[in-house]
């Protein structure tokens, strides 16, 4: 794949990531708030339960981070294309 084709693919992926983030934002925010509340109200001696909540939060954050990285890569590719 040549550089221009790769750049176009990065731009397309970035735009798709933008749409995904915009469409899931209310749901991911609500989920994060719910998980934090579950953690806050969990029994102090329920280490396994707290750990499960933490893993779920970390997974959510990693997914969002990966999508955000695609969005940023797409934006950089667009700027590169303009120059």
Protein backbone atom coordinates (compact mmCIF):
# COMPACT_ATOMS: atom_id res chain seq x y z
CA UNK A 1 0.00 0.00 0.00
CA UNK A 2 1.46 3.35 -0.97
CA UNK A 3 1.63 6.30 1.42
CA UNK A 4 -1.33 8.16 -0.12
CA UNK A 5 -3.59 5.11 0.09
CA UNK A 6 -2.50 4.61 3.69
CA UNK A 7 -3.24 8.27 4.48
CA UNK A 8 -6.72 8.01 2.96
CA UNK A 9 -7.37 4.90 5.04
CA UNK A 10 -6.21 6.71 8.20
CA UNK A 11 -8.52 9.64 7.41
CA UNK A 12 -11.47 7.29 6.85
CA UNK A 13 -10.72 5.42 10.09
CA UNK A 14 -10.42 8.71 11.95
CA UNK A 15 -13.77 9.95 10.68
CA UNK A 16 -15.38 6.63 11.59
CA UNK A 17 -13.84 6.85 15.06
CA UNK A 18 -15.21 10.39 15.43
CA UNK A 19 -18.73 9.19 14.61
CA UNK A 20 -18.41 6.24 16.97
CA UNK A 21 -17.22 8.39 19.86
CA UNK A 22 -19.99 10.90 19.31
CA UNK A 23 -22.65 8.20 19.17
CA UNK A 24 -21.52 6.18 22.20
CA UNK A 25 -20.52 9.07 24.48
CA UNK A 26 -23.78 9.20 26.49
CA UNK A 27 -23.67 5.43 27.03
CA UNK A 28 -20.02 5.23 27.98
CA UNK A 29 -20.37 8.17 30.37
CA UNK A 30 -23.36 6.54 32.04
CA UNK A 31 -21.55 3.20 32.26
CA UNK A 32 -18.46 4.79 33.77
CA UNK A 33 -20.57 6.66 36.33
CA UNK A 34 -22.45 3.47 37.21
CA UNK A 35 -19.24 1.47 37.65
CA UNK A 36 -17.68 4.16 39.84
CA UNK A 37 -20.84 4.24 41.95
CA UNK A 38 -20.79 0.43 42.23
CA UNK A 39 -17.19 0.60 43.38
CA UNK A 40 -17.91 3.36 45.92
CA UNK A 41 -20.85 1.46 47.41
CA UNK A 42 -19.23 -1.97 47.34
CA UNK A 43 -18.40 -3.74 50.54
CA UNK A 44 -14.89 -2.86 51.72
CA UNK A 45 -14.04 -6.53 52.17
CA UNK A 46 -15.32 -7.51 48.70
CA UNK A 47 -11.90 -7.30 47.07
CA UNK A 48 -12.84 -9.65 44.23
CA UNK A 49 -15.94 -7.59 43.41
CA UNK A 50 -13.98 -4.35 43.47
CA UNK A 51 -11.36 -5.91 41.23
CA UNK A 52 -14.02 -6.96 38.69
CA UNK A 53 -15.36 -3.40 38.64
CA UNK A 54 -11.86 -2.03 38.17
CA UNK A 55 -11.22 -4.43 35.28
CA UNK A 56 -14.45 -3.33 33.62
CA UNK A 57 -13.50 0.34 34.01
CA UNK A 58 -10.03 -0.31 32.61
CA UNK A 59 -11.49 -2.20 29.64
CA UNK A 60 -13.89 0.66 28.91
CA UNK A 61 -11.09 3.20 29.15
CA UNK A 62 -8.83 1.14 26.88
CA UNK A 63 -11.53 0.81 24.22
CA UNK A 64 -12.20 4.55 24.31
CA UNK A 65 -8.48 5.27 24.19
CA UNK A 66 -8.03 3.05 21.13
CA UNK A 67 -10.88 4.78 19.31
CA UNK A 68 -9.52 8.19 20.31
CA UNK A 69 -6.11 7.22 18.94
CA UNK A 70 -7.72 6.40 15.59
CA UNK A 71 -9.51 9.75 15.63
CA UNK A 72 -6.27 11.63 16.33
CA UNK A 73 -4.36 9.68 13.68
CA UNK A 74 -7.06 10.58 11.18
CA UNK A 75 -6.84 14.26 12.09
CA UNK A 76 -3.06 14.23 11.67
CA UNK A 77 -3.43 12.49 8.31
CA UNK A 78 -5.90 15.17 7.18
CA UNK A 79 -3.46 17.91 8.15
CA UNK A 80 -0.68 16.08 6.34
CA UNK A 81 -2.84 15.80 3.23
CA UNK A 82 -3.52 19.55 3.23
CA UNK A 83 0.18 20.43 3.34
